[in-house]
Amino acid sequence: MTDTRTGPDGRERCAWVGDDAEYRRYHDEEWGRPLHGDRALLEKMSLEGFQAGLSWITILRKRPRFREVFAGFDPDVVAAFDEADVERLMTDAGIVRNRAKILATIGNAALVRDMAPGELDALMWSFAPAPKPRPRDFSEVPATTPASDAMSKTLRKAGFRFVGSTTMYALMQSSGMVDDHVVGCWRADATREDIP
């Protein structure tokens, strides 16, 4: 059984992409590529937290609205959200309306606001493991690792919420801290110069 699938453009991709055009774009342009910046990583942390219990494609489709209502995940702006903002967000059908996740996003933004510039980026990337052999299939891709366990524990100790180990491993994949494109996927075979 193969863990790649041929897309309409003839490219082999990780099979989880399926036939969805937005998943193809995300897989080709974002998943597994290094992502840096406190604001970008706060957004990724927030969206991965909102994803818990849902499919990632649901979050991708709602991401433009999340970015709009959470002020582009600017930590200073989001940290200042008050109860009226929470109530506004709870009535917005364009996002995932979960009070605990909304409050966690606001609280997490406050923690990032109080850090030195670049501190969240440095902290999260400090858990990036050494490169490992590329997975041959998705049975070799874990849900958690010692690195995601350690990242989760450290972030929780610092006060961050919705940062469990499974969520953090998904973040590590999506932000390029680990590269789980399977053997045979065009992204696995591409050099950095080949990637548009």
N, C-alpha and C. Protein backbone atom coordinates (compact mmCIF):
# COMPACT_ATOMS: atom_id res chain seq x y z
N MET A 1 0.85 -1.20 0.00
CA MET A 1 0.00 0.00 0.00
C MET A 1 0.88 1.25 0.00
N THR A 2 0.55 2.18 -0.86
CA THR A 2 1.34 3.40 -0.95
C THR A 2 0.73 4.50 -0.08
N ASP A 3 1.58 5.34 0.44
CA ASP A 3 1.12 6.47 1.22
C ASP A 3 1.28 7.77 0.44
N THR A 4 1.32 7.64 -0.90
CA THR A 4 1.28 8.82 -1.76
C THR A 4 0.08 8.69 -2.70
N ARG A 5 -0.26 9.81 -3.27
CA ARG A 5 -1.40 9.86 -4.19
C ARG A 5 -1.06 10.82 -5.31
N THR A 6 -1.41 10.46 -6.53
CA THR A 6 -1.13 11.32 -7.67
C THR A 6 -2.20 12.40 -7.78
N GLY A 7 -1.76 13.67 -7.80
CA GLY A 7 -2.69 14.78 -7.92
C GLY A 7 -3.06 15.06 -9.35
N PRO A 8 -3.99 15.97 -9.60
CA PRO A 8 -4.41 16.30 -10.96
C PRO A 8 -3.29 16.90 -11.80
N ASP A 9 -2.23 17.38 -11.14
CA ASP A 9 -1.09 17.92 -11.87
C ASP A 9 -0.02 16.86 -12.14
N GLY A 10 -0.31 15.60 -11.77
CA GLY A 10 0.63 14.51 -12.00
C GLY A 10 1.67 14.35 -10.92
N ARG A 11 1.65 15.20 -9.89
CA ARG A 11 2.62 15.09 -8.80
C ARG A 11 2.16 14.10 -7.74
N GLU A 12 3.12 13.33 -7.23
CA GLU A 12 2.85 12.44 -6.10
C GLU A 12 2.94 13.25 -4.82
N ARG A 13 1.93 13.10 -3.98
CA ARG A 13 1.90 13.80 -2.70
C ARG A 13 1.56 12.83 -1.59
N CYS A 14 1.83 13.24 -0.36
CA CYS A 14 1.40 12.46 0.80
C CYS A 14 -0.10 12.20 0.66
N ALA A 15 -0.51 10.96 0.91
CA ALA A 15 -1.88 10.53 0.62
C ALA A 15 -2.93 11.30 1.41
N TRP A 16 -2.56 11.85 2.59
CA TRP A 16 -3.56 12.57 3.39
C TRP A 16 -4.14 13.78 2.68
N VAL A 17 -3.44 14.26 1.66
CA VAL A 17 -3.92 15.43 0.92
C VAL A 17 -5.25 15.14 0.23
N GLY A 18 -5.42 13.91 -0.27
CA GLY A 18 -6.66 13.56 -0.96
C GLY A 18 -6.87 14.42 -2.19
N ASP A 19 -8.13 14.79 -2.43
CA ASP A 19 -8.50 15.54 -3.64
C ASP A 19 -8.78 17.01 -3.38
N ASP A 20 -8.54 17.47 -2.15
CA ASP A 20 -8.90 18.84 -1.80
C ASP A 20 -7.83 19.84 -2.27
N ALA A 21 -8.25 20.83 -3.05
CA ALA A 21 -7.31 21.81 -3.60
C ALA A 21 -6.61 22.61 -2.51
N GLU A 22 -7.32 22.97 -1.45
CA GLU A 22 -6.70 23.73 -0.36
C GLU A 22 -5.68 22.88 0.38
N TYR A 23 -5.98 21.59 0.58
CA TYR A 23 -5.00 20.70 1.20
C TYR A 23 -3.76 20.57 0.32
N ARG A 24 -3.95 20.49 -1.00
CA ARG A 24 -2.80 20.41 -1.91
C ARG A 24 -1.91 21.64 -1.76
N ARG A 25 -2.54 22.82 -1.76
CA ARG A 25 -1.78 24.06 -1.61
C ARG A 25 -1.04 24.09 -0.28
N TYR A 26 -1.73 23.73 0.80
CA TYR A 26 -1.12 23.72 2.13
C TYR A 26 0.05 22.74 2.18
N HIS A 27 -0.16 21.55 1.66
CA HIS A 27 0.89 20.53 1.63
C HIS A 27 2.11 21.02 0.84
N ASP A 28 1.87 21.61 -0.32
CA ASP A 28 2.96 22.01 -1.20
C ASP A 28 3.69 23.26 -0.71
N GLU A 29 2.96 24.19 -0.10
CA GLU A 29 3.53 25.50 0.20
C GLU A 29 3.87 25.72 1.67
N GLU A 30 3.26 24.96 2.58
CA GLU A 30 3.44 25.25 4.00
C GLU A 30 3.94 24.07 4.83
N TRP A 31 3.28 22.92 4.73
CA TRP A 31 3.53 21.82 5.65
C TRP A 31 4.96 21.33 5.53
N GLY A 32 5.68 21.37 6.64
CA GLY A 32 7.06 20.90 6.65
C GLY A 32 8.09 21.95 6.30
N ARG A 33 7.65 23.17 5.98
CA ARG A 33 8.60 24.25 5.69
C ARG A 33 8.89 25.03 6.97
N PRO A 34 10.13 25.38 7.21
CA PRO A 34 10.45 26.13 8.43
C PRO A 34 9.68 27.44 8.54
N LEU A 35 9.06 27.62 9.69
CA LEU A 35 8.28 28.82 9.98
C LEU A 35 8.87 29.47 11.22
N HIS A 36 9.18 30.74 11.12
CA HIS A 36 9.77 31.47 12.25
C HIS A 36 8.96 32.74 12.51
N GLY A 37 9.15 33.27 13.70
CA GLY A 37 8.50 34.51 14.12
C GLY A 37 7.51 34.26 15.23
N ASP A 38 7.56 35.10 16.25
CA ASP A 38 6.67 34.93 17.40
C ASP A 38 5.20 34.97 16.99
N ARG A 39 4.86 35.94 16.15
CA ARG A 39 3.47 36.10 15.73
C ARG A 39 3.01 34.90 14.90
N ALA A 40 3.84 34.46 13.96
CA ALA A 40 3.49 33.30 13.12
C ALA A 40 3.35 32.05 13.96
N LEU A 41 4.21 31.87 14.94
CA LEU A 41 4.14 30.67 15.78
C LEU A 41 2.98 30.76 16.77
N LEU A 42 2.63 31.97 17.23
CA LEU A 42 1.42 32.12 18.05
C LEU A 42 0.20 31.74 17.24
N GLU A 43 0.14 32.18 15.98
CA GLU A 43 -0.98 31.80 15.13
C GLU A 43 -1.04 30.28 14.98
N LYS A 44 0.10 29.67 14.69
CA LYS A 44 0.13 28.22 14.49
C LYS A 44 -0.29 27.51 15.77
N MET A 45 0.21 27.95 16.92
CA MET A 45 -0.17 27.36 18.20
C MET A 45 -1.67 27.49 18.43
N SER A 46 -2.21 28.67 18.13
CA SER A 46 -3.63 28.92 18.34
C SER A 46 -4.49 28.04 17.44
N LEU A 47 -4.15 28.00 16.15
CA LEU A 47 -4.95 27.21 15.21
C LEU A 47 -4.85 25.72 15.49
N GLU A 48 -3.65 25.25 15.87
CA GLU A 48 -3.52 23.83 16.23
C GLU A 48 -4.38 23.54 17.47
N GLY A 49 -4.44 24.48 18.40
CA GLY A 49 -5.29 24.30 19.57
C GLY A 49 -6.77 24.27 19.19
N PHE A 50 -7.18 25.16 18.31
CA PHE A 50 -8.57 25.14 17.85
C PHE A 50 -8.90 23.86 17.09
N GLN A 51 -7.90 23.27 16.45
CA GLN A 51 -8.12 22.06 15.65
C GLN A 51 -8.42 20.84 16.51
N ALA A 52 -7.98 20.83 17.75
CA ALA A 52 -8.15 19.65 18.60
C ALA A 52 -9.59 19.15 18.54
N GLY A 53 -9.75 17.90 18.11
CA GLY A 53 -11.07 17.29 17.99
C GLY A 53 -11.75 17.52 16.66
N LEU A 54 -11.10 18.29 15.78
CA LEU A 54 -11.66 18.60 14.47
C LEU A 54 -10.67 18.21 13.39
N SER A 55 -11.07 18.31 12.13
CA SER A 55 -10.13 18.05 11.03
C SER A 55 -9.36 19.32 10.73
N TRP A 56 -8.11 19.16 10.26
CA TRP A 56 -7.29 20.32 9.94
C TRP A 56 -7.88 21.10 8.77
N ILE A 57 -8.54 20.43 7.82
CA ILE A 57 -9.11 21.15 6.69
C ILE A 57 -10.18 22.14 7.16
N THR A 58 -10.91 21.79 8.23
CA THR A 58 -11.89 22.72 8.80
C THR A 58 -11.20 24.00 9.23
N ILE A 59 -10.06 23.86 9.90
CA ILE A 59 -9.34 25.04 10.37
C ILE A 59 -8.75 25.82 9.20
N LEU A 60 -8.20 25.12 8.21
CA LEU A 60 -7.65 25.82 7.04
C LEU A 60 -8.72 26.67 6.35
N ARG A 61 -9.90 26.12 6.22
CA ARG A 61 -10.97 26.87 5.55
C ARG A 61 -11.42 28.07 6.36
N LYS A 62 -11.29 27.97 7.68
CA LYS A 62 -11.69 29.07 8.55
C LYS A 62 -10.53 30.02 8.87
N ARG A 63 -9.33 29.67 8.45
CA ARG A 63 -8.16 30.46 8.82
C ARG A 63 -8.27 31.93 8.42
N PRO A 64 -8.74 32.29 7.23
CA PRO A 64 -8.85 33.72 6.93
C PRO A 64 -9.70 34.48 7.94
N ARG A 65 -10.80 33.87 8.37
CA ARG A 65 -11.66 34.53 9.36
C ARG A 65 -10.98 34.58 10.73
N PHE A 66 -10.30 33.48 11.11
CA PHE A 66 -9.54 33.51 12.37
C PHE A 66 -8.56 34.67 12.36
N ARG A 67 -7.84 34.84 11.25
CA ARG A 67 -6.85 35.91 11.16
C ARG A 67 -7.51 37.28 11.28
N GLU A 68 -8.69 37.40 10.69
CA GLU A 68 -9.40 38.68 10.74
C GLU A 68 -9.85 39.00 12.16
N VAL A 69 -10.53 38.07 12.82
CA VAL A 69 -11.11 38.37 14.13
C VAL A 69 -10.09 38.37 15.26
N PHE A 70 -8.93 37.72 15.04
CA PHE A 70 -7.86 37.74 16.04
C PHE A 70 -6.73 38.70 15.64
N ALA A 71 -7.07 39.72 14.85
CA ALA A 71 -6.14 40.81 14.53
C ALA A 71 -4.81 40.30 14.01
N GLY A 72 -4.86 39.30 13.12
CA GLY A 72 -3.63 38.75 12.57
C GLY A 72 -2.75 38.09 13.62
N PHE A 73 -3.35 37.73 14.76
CA PHE A 73 -2.65 37.11 15.88
C PHE A 73 -1.51 38.00 16.41
N ASP A 74 -1.74 39.31 16.35
CA ASP A 74 -0.82 40.25 16.97
C ASP A 74 -0.92 40.06 18.49
N PRO A 75 0.15 39.64 19.15
CA PRO A 75 0.04 39.35 20.59
C PRO A 75 -0.43 40.53 21.41
N ASP A 76 0.02 41.74 21.08
CA ASP A 76 -0.38 42.92 21.86
C ASP A 76 -1.88 43.17 21.76
N VAL A 77 -2.41 43.02 20.56
CA VAL A 77 -3.85 43.28 20.35
C VAL A 77 -4.69 42.18 20.99
N VAL A 78 -4.34 40.92 20.72
CA VAL A 78 -5.14 39.80 21.24
C VAL A 78 -5.08 39.75 22.76
N ALA A 79 -3.93 40.05 23.35
CA ALA A 79 -3.80 40.02 24.80
C ALA A 79 -4.73 41.02 25.48
N ALA A 80 -5.10 42.07 24.75
CA ALA A 80 -5.98 43.11 25.31
C ALA A 80 -7.47 42.79 25.14
N PHE A 81 -7.80 41.67 24.49
CA PHE A 81 -9.22 41.31 24.33
C PHE A 81 -9.87 41.17 25.70
N ASP A 82 -11.12 41.65 25.79
CA ASP A 82 -11.85 41.57 27.05
C ASP A 82 -13.08 40.69 26.88
N GLU A 83 -13.94 40.68 27.88
CA GLU A 83 -15.12 39.80 27.85
C GLU A 83 -16.03 40.12 26.68
N ALA A 84 -16.12 41.40 26.30
CA ALA A 84 -16.94 41.76 25.14
C ALA A 84 -16.38 41.13 23.87
N ASP A 85 -15.05 41.09 23.76
CA ASP A 85 -14.43 40.43 22.62
C ASP A 85 -14.70 38.94 22.63
N VAL A 86 -14.65 38.33 23.80
CA VAL A 86 -14.94 36.90 23.90
C VAL A 86 -16.37 36.64 23.43
N GLU A 87 -17.31 37.45 23.89
CA GLU A 87 -18.71 37.27 23.48
C GLU A 87 -18.88 37.49 21.98
N ARG A 88 -18.18 38.47 21.43
CA ARG A 88 -18.21 38.71 19.98
C ARG A 88 -17.72 37.48 19.23
N LEU A 89 -16.61 36.91 19.70
CA LEU A 89 -16.04 35.73 19.04
C LEU A 89 -16.96 34.51 19.18
N MET A 90 -17.66 34.42 20.30
CA MET A 90 -18.56 33.28 20.52
C MET A 90 -19.77 33.30 19.59
N THR A 91 -20.04 34.45 18.99
CA THR A 91 -21.18 34.53 18.06
C THR A 91 -20.74 34.49 16.60
N ASP A 92 -19.43 34.34 16.35
CA ASP A 92 -18.91 34.37 14.98
C ASP A 92 -18.86 32.97 14.39
N ALA A 93 -19.77 32.69 13.47
CA ALA A 93 -19.84 31.35 12.86
C ALA A 93 -18.66 31.07 11.94
N GLY A 94 -17.85 32.06 11.65
CA GLY A 94 -16.70 31.88 10.76
C GLY A 94 -15.51 31.24 11.43
N ILE A 95 -15.56 31.08 12.76
CA ILE A 95 -14.47 30.44 13.49
C ILE A 95 -15.04 29.26 14.29
N VAL A 96 -14.19 28.60 15.03
CA VAL A 96 -14.62 27.56 15.96
C VAL A 96 -15.01 28.26 17.26
N ARG A 97 -16.28 28.16 17.62
CA ARG A 97 -16.78 28.89 18.78
C ARG A 97 -16.67 28.02 20.03
N ASN A 98 -15.50 28.03 20.61
CA ASN A 98 -15.22 27.25 21.81
C ASN A 98 -14.62 28.22 22.83
N ARG A 99 -15.36 28.49 23.89
CA ARG A 99 -14.94 29.50 24.86
C ARG A 99 -13.57 29.19 25.46
N ALA A 100 -13.33 27.93 25.81
CA ALA A 100 -12.05 27.57 26.44
C ALA A 100 -10.88 27.84 25.48
N LYS A 101 -11.09 27.54 24.19
CA LYS A 101 -10.02 27.75 23.22
C LYS A 101 -9.82 29.23 22.92
N ILE A 102 -10.90 29.98 22.91
CA ILE A 102 -10.79 31.44 22.72
C ILE A 102 -10.03 32.05 23.89
N LEU A 103 -10.41 31.68 25.12
CA LEU A 103 -9.72 32.21 26.30
C LEU A 103 -8.26 31.80 26.32
N ALA A 104 -7.97 30.57 25.90
CA ALA A 104 -6.58 30.11 25.85
C ALA A 104 -5.78 30.95 24.86
N THR A 105 -6.37 31.26 23.71
CA THR A 105 -5.67 32.06 22.71
C THR A 105 -5.35 33.45 23.26
N ILE A 106 -6.29 34.04 23.96
CA ILE A 106 -6.05 35.36 24.56
C ILE A 106 -4.96 35.27 25.63
N GLY A 107 -5.07 34.26 26.49
CA GLY A 107 -4.06 34.08 27.53
C GLY A 107 -2.69 33.78 26.97
N ASN A 108 -2.64 32.95 25.94
CA ASN A 108 -1.35 32.63 25.31
C ASN A 108 -0.74 33.88 24.67
N ALA A 109 -1.60 34.71 24.06
CA ALA A 109 -1.10 35.95 23.46
C ALA A 109 -0.50 36.86 24.53
N ALA A 110 -1.12 36.89 25.71
CA ALA A 110 -0.58 37.72 26.80
C ALA A 110 0.80 37.22 27.23
N LEU A 111 0.98 35.91 27.25
CA LEU A 111 2.29 35.36 27.60
C LEU A 111 3.33 35.73 26.56
N VAL A 112 2.96 35.68 25.28
CA VAL A 112 3.90 36.05 24.21
C VAL A 112 4.21 37.54 24.28
N ARG A 113 3.19 38.35 24.54
CA ARG A 113 3.39 39.80 24.66
C ARG A 113 4.44 40.12 25.73
N ASP A 114 4.43 39.33 26.80
CA ASP A 114 5.34 39.61 27.92
C ASP A 114 6.74 39.01 27.73
N MET A 115 6.95 38.29 26.64
CA MET A 115 8.26 37.74 26.34
C MET A 115 9.10 38.77 25.58
N ALA A 116 10.39 38.55 25.57
CA ALA A 116 11.27 39.37 24.73
C ALA A 116 11.02 39.03 23.27
N PRO A 117 11.21 39.99 22.36
CA PRO A 117 11.05 39.67 20.93
C PRO A 117 11.92 38.48 20.54
N GLY A 118 11.31 37.54 19.83
CA GLY A 118 12.03 36.36 19.38
C GLY A 118 12.11 35.24 20.39
N GLU A 119 11.65 35.49 21.61
CA GLU A 119 11.79 34.48 22.66
C GLU A 119 10.92 33.26 22.41
N LEU A 120 9.66 33.46 21.96
CA LEU A 120 8.81 32.30 21.68
C LEU A 120 9.41 31.47 20.56
N ASP A 121 9.87 32.13 19.50
CA ASP A 121 10.48 31.43 18.37
C ASP A 121 11.67 30.59 18.86
N ALA A 122 12.57 31.22 19.62
CA ALA A 122 13.76 30.50 20.10
C ALA A 122 13.37 29.35 21.01
N LEU A 123 12.38 29.57 21.88
CA LEU A 123 11.95 28.51 22.79
C LEU A 123 11.39 27.32 22.02
N MET A 124 10.47 27.58 21.10
CA MET A 124 9.84 26.47 20.39
C MET A 124 10.83 25.73 19.50
N TRP A 125 11.67 26.47 18.80
CA TRP A 125 12.65 25.83 17.91
C TRP A 125 13.74 25.09 18.68
N SER A 126 13.89 25.40 19.97
CA SER A 126 14.89 24.67 20.76
C SER A 126 14.51 23.20 20.91
N PHE A 127 13.26 22.87 20.64
CA PHE A 127 12.80 21.48 20.74
C PHE A 127 12.84 20.74 19.40
N ALA A 128 13.23 21.42 18.34
CA ALA A 128 13.30 20.77 17.04
C ALA A 128 14.34 19.65 17.09
N PRO A 129 13.93 18.43 16.79
CA PRO A 129 14.89 17.32 16.88
C PRO A 129 15.83 17.29 15.68
N ALA A 130 16.88 16.51 15.82
CA ALA A 130 17.79 16.29 14.69
C ALA A 130 17.02 15.60 13.58
N PRO A 131 17.37 15.87 12.33
CA PRO A 131 16.67 15.19 11.22
C PRO A 131 16.75 13.67 11.37
N LYS A 132 15.67 13.03 10.99
CA LYS A 132 15.59 11.57 11.08
C LYS A 132 15.34 11.00 9.70
N PRO A 133 15.52 9.70 9.51
CA PRO A 133 15.23 9.12 8.20
C PRO A 133 13.79 9.43 7.79
N ARG A 134 13.60 9.72 6.52
CA ARG A 134 12.27 10.05 6.02
C ARG A 134 11.34 8.85 6.19
N PRO A 135 10.10 9.06 6.63
CA PRO A 135 9.18 7.93 6.77
C PRO A 135 8.84 7.32 5.41
N ARG A 136 8.79 6.00 5.39
CA ARG A 136 8.39 5.30 4.16
C ARG A 136 6.88 5.33 4.00
N ASP A 137 6.18 5.33 5.13
CA ASP A 137 4.72 5.41 5.10
C ASP A 137 4.27 6.02 6.42
N PHE A 138 2.98 6.30 6.51
CA PHE A 138 2.48 7.03 7.68
C PHE A 138 2.41 6.18 8.94
N SER A 139 2.62 4.86 8.82
CA SER A 139 2.71 4.04 10.03
C SER A 139 3.98 4.38 10.80
N GLU A 140 4.94 5.01 10.14
CA GLU A 140 6.19 5.41 10.79
C GLU A 140 6.14 6.84 11.36
N VAL A 141 5.00 7.50 11.20
CA VAL A 141 4.86 8.87 11.70
C VAL A 141 4.15 8.82 13.05
N PRO A 142 4.81 9.26 14.11
CA PRO A 142 4.21 9.19 15.44
C PRO A 142 3.18 10.28 15.68
N ALA A 143 2.37 10.09 16.70
CA ALA A 143 1.45 11.14 17.14
C ALA A 143 2.14 12.08 18.11
N THR A 144 3.09 11.56 18.86
CA THR A 144 3.89 12.35 19.81
C THR A 144 5.32 11.81 19.78
N THR A 145 6.23 12.63 20.27
CA THR A 145 7.63 12.22 20.38
C THR A 145 8.17 12.75 21.70
N PRO A 146 9.34 12.30 22.12
CA PRO A 146 9.94 12.90 23.32
C PRO A 146 10.10 14.42 23.17
N ALA A 147 10.41 14.89 21.96
CA ALA A 147 10.56 16.34 21.75
C ALA A 147 9.24 17.06 21.92
N SER A 148 8.14 16.51 21.38
CA SER A 148 6.84 17.18 21.54
C SER A 148 6.38 17.09 22.99
N ASP A 149 6.71 15.98 23.68
CA ASP A 149 6.39 15.87 25.11
C ASP A 149 7.10 16.98 25.89
N ALA A 150 8.38 17.18 25.59
CA ALA A 150 9.17 18.18 26.30
C ALA A 150 8.69 19.59 25.99
N MET A 151 8.36 19.85 24.71
CA MET A 151 7.84 21.16 24.35
C MET A 151 6.54 21.44 25.08
N SER A 152 5.64 20.46 25.08
CA SER A 152 4.36 20.61 25.75
C SER A 152 4.54 20.89 27.24
N LYS A 153 5.39 20.12 27.88
CA LYS A 153 5.62 20.28 29.32
C LYS A 153 6.18 21.67 29.64
N THR A 154 7.13 22.13 28.83
CA THR A 154 7.74 23.44 29.06
C THR A 154 6.73 24.56 28.85
N LEU A 155 5.94 24.47 27.78
CA LEU A 155 4.95 25.51 27.51
C LEU A 155 3.86 25.52 28.59
N ARG A 156 3.42 24.35 29.01
CA ARG A 156 2.41 24.30 30.07
C ARG A 156 2.95 24.92 31.36
N LYS A 157 4.18 24.60 31.68
CA LYS A 157 4.79 25.16 32.90
C LYS A 157 4.84 26.67 32.83
N ALA A 158 5.03 27.21 31.62
CA ALA A 158 5.07 28.66 31.42
C ALA A 158 3.68 29.29 31.43
N GLY A 159 2.62 28.44 31.44
CA GLY A 159 1.25 28.95 31.51
C GLY A 159 0.45 28.84 30.23
N PHE A 160 1.06 28.35 29.16
CA PHE A 160 0.33 28.19 27.90
C PHE A 160 -0.71 27.08 28.03
N ARG A 161 -1.81 27.24 27.29
CA ARG A 161 -2.90 26.25 27.31
C ARG A 161 -3.18 25.72 25.91
N PHE A 162 -3.79 24.55 25.86
CA PHE A 162 -4.07 23.84 24.61
C PHE A 162 -2.77 23.57 23.85
N VAL A 163 -1.79 23.09 24.58
CA VAL A 163 -0.48 22.79 24.01
C VAL A 163 -0.06 21.37 24.38
N GLY A 164 -0.99 20.43 24.29
CA GLY A 164 -0.66 19.04 24.58
C GLY A 164 0.35 18.49 23.60
N SER A 165 0.91 17.34 23.94
CA SER A 165 1.99 16.78 23.13
C SER A 165 1.55 16.46 21.70
N THR A 166 0.34 15.91 21.52
CA THR A 166 -0.13 15.61 20.16
C THR A 166 -0.29 16.90 19.36
N THR A 167 -0.84 17.92 19.98
CA THR A 167 -1.00 19.22 19.32
C THR A 167 0.35 19.81 18.97
N MET A 168 1.31 19.67 19.87
CA MET A 168 2.64 20.23 19.61
C MET A 168 3.37 19.44 18.52
N TYR A 169 3.14 18.13 18.43
CA TYR A 169 3.78 17.41 17.34
C TYR A 169 3.20 17.85 15.99
N ALA A 170 1.88 18.07 15.95
CA ALA A 170 1.27 18.58 14.72
C ALA A 170 1.86 19.95 14.37
N LEU A 171 2.08 20.79 15.38
CA LEU A 171 2.72 22.09 15.14
C LEU A 171 4.13 21.90 14.61
N MET A 172 4.87 20.96 15.17
CA MET A 172 6.24 20.72 14.72
C MET A 172 6.27 20.28 13.26
N GLN A 173 5.29 19.48 12.86
CA GLN A 173 5.18 19.07 11.45
C GLN A 173 4.85 20.26 10.57
N SER A 174 3.84 21.02 10.97
CA SER A 174 3.35 22.09 10.10
C SER A 174 4.32 23.26 10.02
N SER A 175 5.15 23.44 11.04
CA SER A 175 6.09 24.57 11.03
C SER A 175 7.49 24.15 10.62
N GLY A 176 7.66 22.91 10.17
CA GLY A 176 8.94 22.47 9.63
C GLY A 176 9.99 22.10 10.66
N MET A 177 9.62 22.01 11.93
CA MET A 177 10.57 21.54 12.93
C MET A 177 10.89 20.06 12.69
N VAL A 178 9.92 19.36 12.13
CA VAL A 178 10.14 18.00 11.62
C VAL A 178 9.57 17.96 10.20
N ASP A 179 10.09 17.06 9.38
CA ASP A 179 9.63 16.93 8.00
C ASP A 179 9.15 15.49 7.80
N ASP A 180 7.83 15.32 7.80
CA ASP A 180 7.25 13.99 7.69
C ASP A 180 6.65 13.70 6.31
N HIS A 181 7.09 14.43 5.28
CA HIS A 181 6.71 14.04 3.91
C HIS A 181 7.27 12.64 3.66
N VAL A 182 6.43 11.74 3.19
CA VAL A 182 6.85 10.35 3.02
C VAL A 182 7.67 10.15 1.75
N VAL A 183 8.44 9.08 1.75
CA VAL A 183 9.20 8.69 0.56
C VAL A 183 8.24 8.60 -0.63
N GLY A 184 8.62 9.20 -1.74
CA GLY A 184 7.78 9.18 -2.94
C GLY A 184 7.00 10.46 -3.15
N CYS A 185 6.80 11.24 -2.09
CA CYS A 185 6.13 12.54 -2.21
C CYS A 185 7.08 13.51 -2.92
N TRP A 186 6.54 14.32 -3.83
CA TRP A 186 7.41 15.25 -4.57
C TRP A 186 8.13 16.21 -3.64
N ARG A 187 7.48 16.60 -2.55
CA ARG A 187 8.13 17.51 -1.60
C ARG A 187 9.29 16.82 -0.90
N ALA A 188 9.17 15.52 -0.67
CA ALA A 188 10.26 14.78 -0.04
C ALA A 188 11.46 14.72 -0.97
N ASP A 189 11.20 14.68 -2.26
CA ASP A 189 12.27 14.54 -3.24
C ASP A 189 12.82 15.87 -3.71
N ALA A 190 12.11 16.97 -3.45
CA ALA A 190 12.51 18.28 -3.97
C ALA A 190 13.66 18.86 -3.15
N THR A 191 14.56 19.52 -3.84
CA THR A 191 15.57 20.30 -3.13
C THR A 191 14.95 21.67 -2.84
N ARG A 192 15.57 22.44 -1.97
CA ARG A 192 15.03 23.75 -1.63
C ARG A 192 14.88 24.61 -2.88
N GLU A 193 15.81 24.49 -3.83
CA GLU A 193 15.73 25.30 -5.05
C GLU A 193 14.56 24.88 -5.94
N ASP A 194 14.15 23.59 -5.82
CA ASP A 194 13.06 23.10 -6.65
C ASP A 194 11.69 23.55 -6.15
N ILE A 195 11.62 23.95 -4.88
CA ILE A 195 10.33 24.26 -4.28
C ILE A 195 9.96 25.69 -4.62
N PRO A 196 8.81 25.88 -5.28
CA PRO A 196 8.42 27.25 -5.66
C PRO A 196 8.08 28.10 -4.46
